[in-house]
Amino acid sequence: MPHSVAGPEIERLIQLLARLPGLGPRSARRAALHLIKRREQLLGPLTEAIRVAHERIVVCSECGNVDTADPCTICRDERRDASIIVVVEDVSDLWALERAGALTARYHVLGGVLSPLDGVRPEHLNLDKLVARAARPEVREVILALNATVDGQTTAHYITELLAHMPVRVTRLAHGVPVGGELDYLDEGTLAAAIRQRTTF
C-alpha cells in the first residue's frame, strides 16, 4: 500500500479533485500540485469562486437551468423566441446547444431520461412543468434534443404522446453523419439514420 506524501488536507483536496469528470487519481494529483504551487494566483481565487457559487447557485423554477438568479438568464432574455422550447436531458446539454449558437429559443431541462432498469419513472422527471409550458398560447414547437440512446428515444416517444393533444409541433434533432465525418468510420445505425433523414442538396 502506497504511503501518503502529504498531509490529510492535501490528500483530501486530491480525493475531491479525482471525483471530477475526466480526472483520475494521477490527474488529480497533478491538478492539486499545480493549484498549491500557485496558491495566490489560482487556489485563493478558486476557493472564493467555489464558495460564492455554493452560496448563490439555484435551479431555475421555469426551465431547470442552473444560474445565480431565478428565473435564469436565459428565461429572462426577452430576445429569445418564446414560441420554441428545446427539451434537453441535462444542463450540460443546454450549455452544449448554447455553444453551438444555432437558435435562440427557450429551454426545458428534464433532469434525466426514462430508464426502467435504473428506476427512473415519469414522476422523477420535470414533465408536468413541460406540459404546462407547452400549453401556453405562444408556444408553437417543442424540439426534443435528447441523446440518441434507447432511454433517450423512449423518453422522446413518451413526451410526444404527452403532447399529442396539443396544437404544438413536436420535432427532434436530426441524427446521422457528423460534420467532418467519414462514412467508412461510422457505425451502421448512424449511417441508417442519415439515409432515412436525408435532405435536398
C-alpha atoms as a PDB file:
ATOM      1  CA  MET A   1       0.000   0.000   0.000  1.00  0.00           C
ATOM      2  CA  PRO A   2       1.498   3.382  -1.015  1.00  0.00           C
ATOM      3  CA  HIS A   3       2.313   5.868   1.729  1.00  0.00           C
ATOM      4  CA  SER A   4       0.855   9.370   1.811  1.00  0.00           C
ATOM      5  CA  VAL A   5       3.276  12.000   0.555  1.00  0.00           C
ATOM      6  CA  ALA A   6       1.338  14.945   2.007  1.00  0.00           C
ATOM      7  CA  GLY A   7      -0.843  15.883   4.937  1.00  0.00           C
ATOM      8  CA  PRO A   8      -4.535  14.937   5.205  1.00  0.00           C
ATOM      9  CA  GLU A   9      -5.692  18.330   3.912  1.00  0.00           C
ATOM     10  CA  ILE A  10      -3.795  17.928   0.649  1.00  0.00           C
ATOM     11  CA  GLU A  11      -4.855  14.289   0.336  1.00  0.00           C
ATOM     12  CA  ARG A  12      -8.480  15.409   0.798  1.00  0.00           C
ATOM     13  CA  LEU A  13      -8.032  18.005  -1.972  1.00  0.00           C
ATOM     14  CA  ILE A  14      -6.658  15.294  -4.283  1.00  0.00           C
ATOM     15  CA  GLN A  15      -9.525  12.924  -3.443  1.00  0.00           C
ATOM     16  CA  LEU A  16     -12.130  15.601  -4.207  1.00  0.00           C
ATOM     17  CA  LEU A  17     -10.453  16.604  -7.475  1.00  0.00           C
ATOM     18  CA  ALA A  18     -10.350  12.925  -8.504  1.00  0.00           C
ATOM     19  CA  ARG A  19     -14.163  12.841  -8.342  1.00  0.00           C
ATOM     20  CA  LEU A  20     -14.448  15.398 -11.145  1.00  0.00           C
ATOM     21  CA  PRO A  21     -15.266  14.079 -14.644  1.00  0.00           C
ATOM     22  CA  GLY A  22     -12.144  13.450 -16.710  1.00  0.00           C
ATOM     23  CA  LEU A  23      -9.805  13.408 -13.697  1.00  0.00           C
ATOM     24  CA  GLY A  24      -8.398  10.218 -12.276  1.00  0.00           C
ATOM     25  CA  PRO A  25      -6.073   9.908  -9.254  1.00  0.00           C
ATOM     26  CA  ARG A  26      -2.933  10.846 -11.216  1.00  0.00           C
ATOM     27  CA  SER A  27      -4.537  13.822 -12.968  1.00  0.00           C
ATOM     28  CA  ALA A  28      -5.996  14.961  -9.642  1.00  0.00           C
ATOM     29  CA  ARG A  29      -2.528  14.879  -8.049  1.00  0.00           C
ATOM     30  CA  ARG A  30      -1.101  16.980 -10.896  1.00  0.00           C
ATOM     31  CA  ALA A  31      -4.004  19.452 -10.656  1.00  0.00           C
ATOM     32  CA  ALA A  32      -3.656  19.701  -6.867  1.00  0.00           C
ATOM     33  CA  LEU A  33       0.086  20.282  -7.118  1.00  0.00           C
ATOM     34  CA  HIS A  34      -0.480  22.970  -9.762  1.00  0.00           C
ATOM     35  CA  LEU A  35      -3.012  24.725  -7.509  1.00  0.00           C
ATOM     36  CA  ILE A  36      -0.704  24.503  -4.493  1.00  0.00           C
ATOM     37  CA  LYS A  37       2.265  25.925  -6.392  1.00  0.00           C
ATOM     38  CA  ARG A  38       0.115  28.860  -7.499  1.00  0.00           C
ATOM     39  CA  ARG A  39      -1.798  29.488  -4.300  1.00  0.00           C
ATOM     40  CA  GLU A  40      -2.073  33.249  -4.722  1.00  0.00           C
ATOM     41  CA  GLN A  41      -2.963  33.246  -8.429  1.00  0.00           C
ATOM     42  CA  LEU A  42      -5.186  30.141  -8.564  1.00  0.00           C
ATOM     43  CA  LEU A  43      -6.001  28.409  -5.300  1.00  0.00           C
ATOM     44  CA  GLY A  44      -7.233  31.512  -3.440  1.00  0.00           C
ATOM     45  CA  PRO A  45      -9.444  32.839  -6.258  1.00  0.00           C
ATOM     46  CA  LEU A  46     -10.751  29.328  -6.995  1.00  0.00           C
ATOM     47  CA  THR A  47     -11.640  28.815  -3.335  1.00  0.00           C
ATOM     48  CA  GLU A  48     -13.543  32.114  -3.296  1.00  0.00           C
ATOM     49  CA  ALA A  49     -15.310  31.367  -6.595  1.00  0.00           C
ATOM     50  CA  ILE A  50     -16.427  27.951  -5.303  1.00  0.00           C
ATOM     51  CA  ARG A  51     -17.656  29.486  -2.035  1.00  0.00           C
ATOM     52  CA  VAL A  52     -19.689  32.147  -3.860  1.00  0.00           C
ATOM     53  CA  ALA A  53     -21.073  29.603  -6.328  1.00  0.00           C
ATOM     54  CA  HIS A  54     -22.093  27.301  -3.475  1.00  0.00           C
ATOM     55  CA  GLU A  55     -23.980  30.123  -1.795  1.00  0.00           C
ATOM     56  CA  ARG A  56     -25.679  31.608  -4.859  1.00  0.00           C
ATOM     57  CA  ILE A  57     -26.365  28.861  -7.410  1.00  0.00           C
ATOM     58  CA  VAL A  58     -30.048  27.960  -7.753  1.00  0.00           C
ATOM     59  CA  VAL A  59     -32.140  25.860 -10.127  1.00  0.00           C
ATOM     60  CA  CYS A  60     -34.411  27.924 -12.361  1.00  0.00           C
ATOM     61  CA  SER A  61     -38.047  27.273 -11.431  1.00  0.00           C
ATOM     62  CA  GLU A  62     -39.080  27.927 -15.035  1.00  0.00           C
ATOM     63  CA  CYS A  63     -36.746  25.742 -17.136  1.00  0.00           C
ATOM     64  CA  GLY A  64     -34.494  23.793 -14.756  1.00  0.00           C
ATOM     65  CA  ASN A  65     -31.239  25.502 -15.776  1.00  0.00           C
ATOM     66  CA  VAL A  66     -28.662  26.393 -13.103  1.00  0.00           C
ATOM     67  CA  ASP A  67     -27.824  30.030 -12.522  1.00  0.00           C
ATOM     68  CA  THR A  68     -27.386  32.552  -9.736  1.00  0.00           C
ATOM     69  CA  ALA A  69     -30.852  34.018 -10.346  1.00  0.00           C
ATOM     70  CA  ASP A  70     -34.374  32.601 -10.606  1.00  0.00           C
ATOM     71  CA  PRO A  71     -35.632  32.853 -13.293  1.00  0.00           C
ATOM     72  CA  CYS A  72     -32.325  32.222 -15.026  1.00  0.00           C
ATOM     73  CA  THR A  73     -30.524  34.473 -17.507  1.00  0.00           C
ATOM     74  CA  ILE A  74     -31.938  32.568 -20.489  1.00  0.00           C
ATOM     75  CA  CYS A  75     -35.553  32.735 -19.263  1.00  0.00           C
ATOM     76  CA  ARG A  76     -35.211  36.485 -18.573  1.00  0.00           C
ATOM     77  CA  ASP A  77     -33.796  37.204 -22.048  1.00  0.00           C
ATOM     78  CA  GLU A  78     -36.583  38.975 -23.966  1.00  0.00           C
ATOM     79  CA  ARG A  79     -34.756  38.457 -27.294  1.00  0.00           C
ATOM     80  CA  ARG A  80     -35.326  34.705 -27.179  1.00  0.00           C
ATOM     81  CA  ASP A  81     -38.014  33.059 -29.290  1.00  0.00           C
ATOM     82  CA  ALA A  82     -40.760  32.139 -26.811  1.00  0.00           C
ATOM     83  CA  SER A  83     -42.550  30.052 -29.464  1.00  0.00           C
ATOM     84  CA  ILE A  84     -39.889  27.300 -29.341  1.00  0.00           C
ATOM     85  CA  ILE A  85     -38.986  25.114 -26.356  1.00  0.00           C
ATOM     86  CA  VAL A  86     -35.912  22.900 -26.659  1.00  0.00           C
ATOM     87  CA  VAL A  87     -36.145  19.881 -24.340  1.00  0.00           C
ATOM     88  CA  VAL A  88     -32.819  18.543 -23.014  1.00  0.00           C
ATOM     89  CA  GLU A  89     -31.852  15.812 -20.592  1.00  0.00           C
ATOM     90  CA  ASP A  90     -29.343  17.772 -18.538  1.00  0.00           C
ATOM     91  CA  VAL A  91     -27.926  21.255 -18.066  1.00  0.00           C
ATOM     92  CA  SER A  92     -24.727  20.140 -19.838  1.00  0.00           C
ATOM     93  CA  ASP A  93     -26.818  19.518 -22.981  1.00  0.00           C
ATOM     94  CA  LEU A  94     -28.333  23.001 -22.701  1.00  0.00           C
ATOM     95  CA  TRP A  95     -24.864  24.527 -22.443  1.00  0.00           C
ATOM     96  CA  ALA A  96     -23.664  22.488 -25.453  1.00  0.00           C
ATOM     97  CA  LEU A  97     -26.558  23.760 -27.602  1.00  0.00           C
ATOM     98  CA  GLU A  98     -25.905  27.318 -26.482  1.00  0.00           C
ATOM     99  CA  ARG A  99     -22.243  26.981 -27.521  1.00  0.00           C
ATOM    100  CA  ALA A 100     -23.423  25.917 -30.980  1.00  0.00           C
ATOM    101  CA  GLY A 101     -25.451  29.133 -31.238  1.00  0.00           C
ATOM    102  CA  ALA A 102     -27.822  27.618 -33.816  1.00  0.00           C
ATOM    103  CA  LEU A 103     -31.014  29.085 -32.342  1.00  0.00           C
ATOM    104  CA  THR A 104     -32.189  31.455 -29.639  1.00  0.00           C
ATOM    105  CA  ALA A 105     -35.080  29.535 -28.131  1.00  0.00           C
ATOM    106  CA  ARG A 106     -36.250  28.725 -24.622  1.00  0.00           C
ATOM    107  CA  TYR A 107     -35.134  25.510 -22.917  1.00  0.00           C
ATOM    108  CA  HIS A 108     -36.576  22.867 -20.645  1.00  0.00           C
ATOM    109  CA  VAL A 109     -34.293  20.581 -18.595  1.00  0.00           C
ATOM    110  CA  LEU A 110     -35.856  17.190 -17.794  1.00  0.00           C
ATOM    111  CA  GLY A 111     -33.287  16.197 -15.186  1.00  0.00           C
ATOM    112  CA  GLY A 112     -32.734  12.772 -16.762  1.00  0.00           C
ATOM    113  CA  VAL A 113     -34.431  10.296 -19.071  1.00  0.00           C
ATOM    114  CA  LEU A 114     -36.831   7.429 -18.506  1.00  0.00           C
ATOM    115  CA  SER A 115     -34.891   4.326 -17.524  1.00  0.00           C
ATOM    116  CA  PRO A 116     -36.840   1.346 -16.154  1.00  0.00           C
ATOM    117  CA  LEU A 117     -33.612  -0.502 -15.316  1.00  0.00           C
ATOM    118  CA  ASP A 118     -32.423   2.413 -13.164  1.00  0.00           C
ATOM    119  CA  GLY A 119     -35.865   3.001 -11.654  1.00  0.00           C
ATOM    120  CA  VAL A 120     -36.357   6.387 -13.359  1.00  0.00           C
ATOM    121  CA  ARG A 121     -40.090   6.815 -13.999  1.00  0.00           C
ATOM    122  CA  PRO A 122     -42.078   9.755 -15.423  1.00  0.00           C
ATOM    123  CA  GLU A 123     -42.725  11.228 -11.983  1.00  0.00           C
ATOM    124  CA  HIS A 124     -38.957  11.560 -11.465  1.00  0.00           C
ATOM    125  CA  LEU A 125     -38.597  13.910 -14.451  1.00  0.00           C
ATOM    126  CA  ASN A 126     -39.626  17.541 -14.929  1.00  0.00           C
ATOM    127  CA  LEU A 127     -42.520  16.574 -17.229  1.00  0.00           C
ATOM    128  CA  ASP A 128     -45.506  18.306 -15.589  1.00  0.00           C
ATOM    129  CA  LYS A 129     -43.863  21.699 -15.992  1.00  0.00           C
ATOM    130  CA  LEU A 130     -43.054  20.885 -19.641  1.00  0.00           C
ATOM    131  CA  VAL A 131     -46.698  20.066 -20.396  1.00  0.00           C
ATOM    132  CA  ALA A 132     -47.799  23.305 -18.696  1.00  0.00           C
ATOM    133  CA  ARG A 133     -45.270  25.354 -20.669  1.00  0.00           C
ATOM    134  CA  ALA A 134     -46.175  23.662 -23.980  1.00  0.00           C
ATOM    135  CA  ALA A 135     -49.840  24.577 -23.377  1.00  0.00           C
ATOM    136  CA  ARG A 136     -49.072  28.301 -23.416  1.00  0.00           C
ATOM    137  CA  PRO A 137     -50.592  30.055 -26.442  1.00  0.00           C
ATOM    138  CA  GLU A 138     -47.265  31.460 -27.680  1.00  0.00           C
ATOM    139  CA  VAL A 139     -45.594  28.023 -27.938  1.00  0.00           C
ATOM    140  CA  ARG A 140     -45.688  26.574 -31.463  1.00  0.00           C
ATOM    141  CA  GLU A 141     -42.869  24.000 -31.415  1.00  0.00           C
ATOM    142  CA  VAL A 142     -41.189  21.655 -28.952  1.00  0.00           C
ATOM    143  CA  ILE A 143     -37.787  20.355 -30.082  1.00  0.00           C
ATOM    144  CA  LEU A 144     -36.694  17.112 -28.433  1.00  0.00           C
ATOM    145  CA  ALA A 145     -32.913  17.432 -28.158  1.00  0.00           C
ATOM    146  CA  LEU A 146     -32.376  14.135 -26.345  1.00  0.00           C
ATOM    147  CA  ASN A 147     -29.485  11.733 -26.720  1.00  0.00           C
ATOM    148  CA  ALA A 148     -29.800   9.018 -29.368  1.00  0.00           C
ATOM    149  CA  THR A 149     -29.776   6.248 -26.752  1.00  0.00           C
ATOM    150  CA  VAL A 150     -32.526   3.714 -26.053  1.00  0.00           C
ATOM    151  CA  ASP A 151     -33.552   5.636 -22.917  1.00  0.00           C
ATOM    152  CA  GLY A 152     -33.384   8.969 -24.743  1.00  0.00           C
ATOM    153  CA  GLN A 153     -35.592   7.743 -27.576  1.00  0.00           C
ATOM    154  CA  THR A 154     -38.032   6.112 -25.139  1.00  0.00           C
ATOM    155  CA  THR A 155     -38.326   9.462 -23.348  1.00  0.00           C
ATOM    156  CA  ALA A 156     -38.838  11.258 -26.677  1.00  0.00           C
ATOM    157  CA  HIS A 157     -41.712   8.923 -27.599  1.00  0.00           C
ATOM    158  CA  TYR A 158     -43.264   9.371 -24.152  1.00  0.00           C
ATOM    159  CA  ILE A 159     -43.133  13.178 -24.439  1.00  0.00           C
ATOM    160  CA  THR A 160     -44.597  13.020 -27.951  1.00  0.00           C
ATOM    161  CA  GLU A 161     -47.571  11.109 -26.566  1.00  0.00           C
ATOM    162  CA  LEU A 162     -47.947  13.575 -23.673  1.00  0.00           C
ATOM    163  CA  LEU A 163     -48.135  16.494 -26.106  1.00  0.00           C
ATOM    164  CA  ALA A 164     -50.171  14.755 -28.818  1.00  0.00           C
ATOM    165  CA  HIS A 165     -53.415  16.516 -27.841  1.00  0.00           C
ATOM    166  CA  MET A 166     -51.835  19.975 -28.040  1.00  0.00           C
ATOM    167  CA  PRO A 167     -51.577  22.205 -31.121  1.00  0.00           C
ATOM    168  CA  VAL A 168     -47.768  22.238 -30.954  1.00  0.00           C
ATOM    169  CA  ARG A 169     -45.353  20.782 -33.462  1.00  0.00           C
ATOM    170  CA  VAL A 170     -43.042  18.198 -31.862  1.00  0.00           C
ATOM    171  CA  THR A 171     -39.700  17.758 -33.641  1.00  0.00           C
ATOM    172  CA  ARG A 172     -36.383  16.166 -32.789  1.00  0.00           C
ATOM    173  CA  LEU A 173     -32.756  16.722 -33.688  1.00  0.00           C
ATOM    174  CA  ALA A 174     -31.591  15.048 -36.877  1.00  0.00           C
ATOM    175  CA  HIS A 175     -29.358  12.023 -36.456  1.00  0.00           C
ATOM    176  CA  GLY A 176     -26.711  10.971 -38.905  1.00  0.00           C
ATOM    177  CA  VAL A 177     -23.343  11.870 -40.365  1.00  0.00           C
ATOM    178  CA  PRO A 178     -21.433  14.400 -38.227  1.00  0.00           C
ATOM    179  CA  VAL A 179     -19.756  17.404 -39.836  1.00  0.00           C
ATOM    180  CA  GLY A 180     -16.313  16.268 -40.965  1.00  0.00           C
ATOM    181  CA  GLY A 181     -17.250  12.597 -40.536  1.00  0.00           C
ATOM    182  CA  GLU A 182     -16.056   9.910 -42.945  1.00  0.00           C
ATOM    183  CA  LEU A 183     -18.585   7.238 -43.896  1.00  0.00           C
ATOM    184  CA  ASP A 184     -16.097   4.393 -43.551  1.00  0.00           C
ATOM    185  CA  TYR A 185     -15.664   5.130 -39.819  1.00  0.00           C
ATOM    186  CA  LEU A 186     -19.348   5.434 -38.914  1.00  0.00           C
ATOM    187  CA  ASP A 187     -21.438   2.668 -37.374  1.00  0.00           C
ATOM    188  CA  GLU A 188     -24.370   1.110 -39.228  1.00  0.00           C
ATOM    189  CA  GLY A 189     -27.019   2.746 -37.004  1.00  0.00           C
ATOM    190  CA  THR A 190     -25.660   6.238 -37.694  1.00  0.00           C
ATOM    191  CA  LEU A 191     -25.498   5.565 -41.435  1.00  0.00           C
ATOM    192  CA  ALA A 192     -29.053   4.195 -41.478  1.00  0.00           C
ATOM    193  CA  ALA A 193     -30.336   7.283 -39.607  1.00  0.00           C
ATOM    194  CA  ALA A 194     -28.514   9.546 -42.059  1.00  0.00           C
ATOM    195  CA  ILE A 195     -30.112   7.815 -45.061  1.00  0.00           C
ATOM    196  CA  ARG A 196     -33.610   7.991 -43.521  1.00  0.00           C
ATOM    197  CA  GLN A 197     -33.230  11.693 -42.725  1.00  0.00           C
ATOM    198  CA  ARG A 198     -31.632  12.752 -45.996  1.00  0.00           C
ATOM    199  CA  THR A 199     -32.471  16.246 -47.255  1.00  0.00           C
ATOM    200  CA  THR A 200     -32.448  18.071 -50.593  1.00  0.00           C
ATOM    201  CA  PHE A 201     -28.999  19.391 -51.505  1.00  0.00           C
END
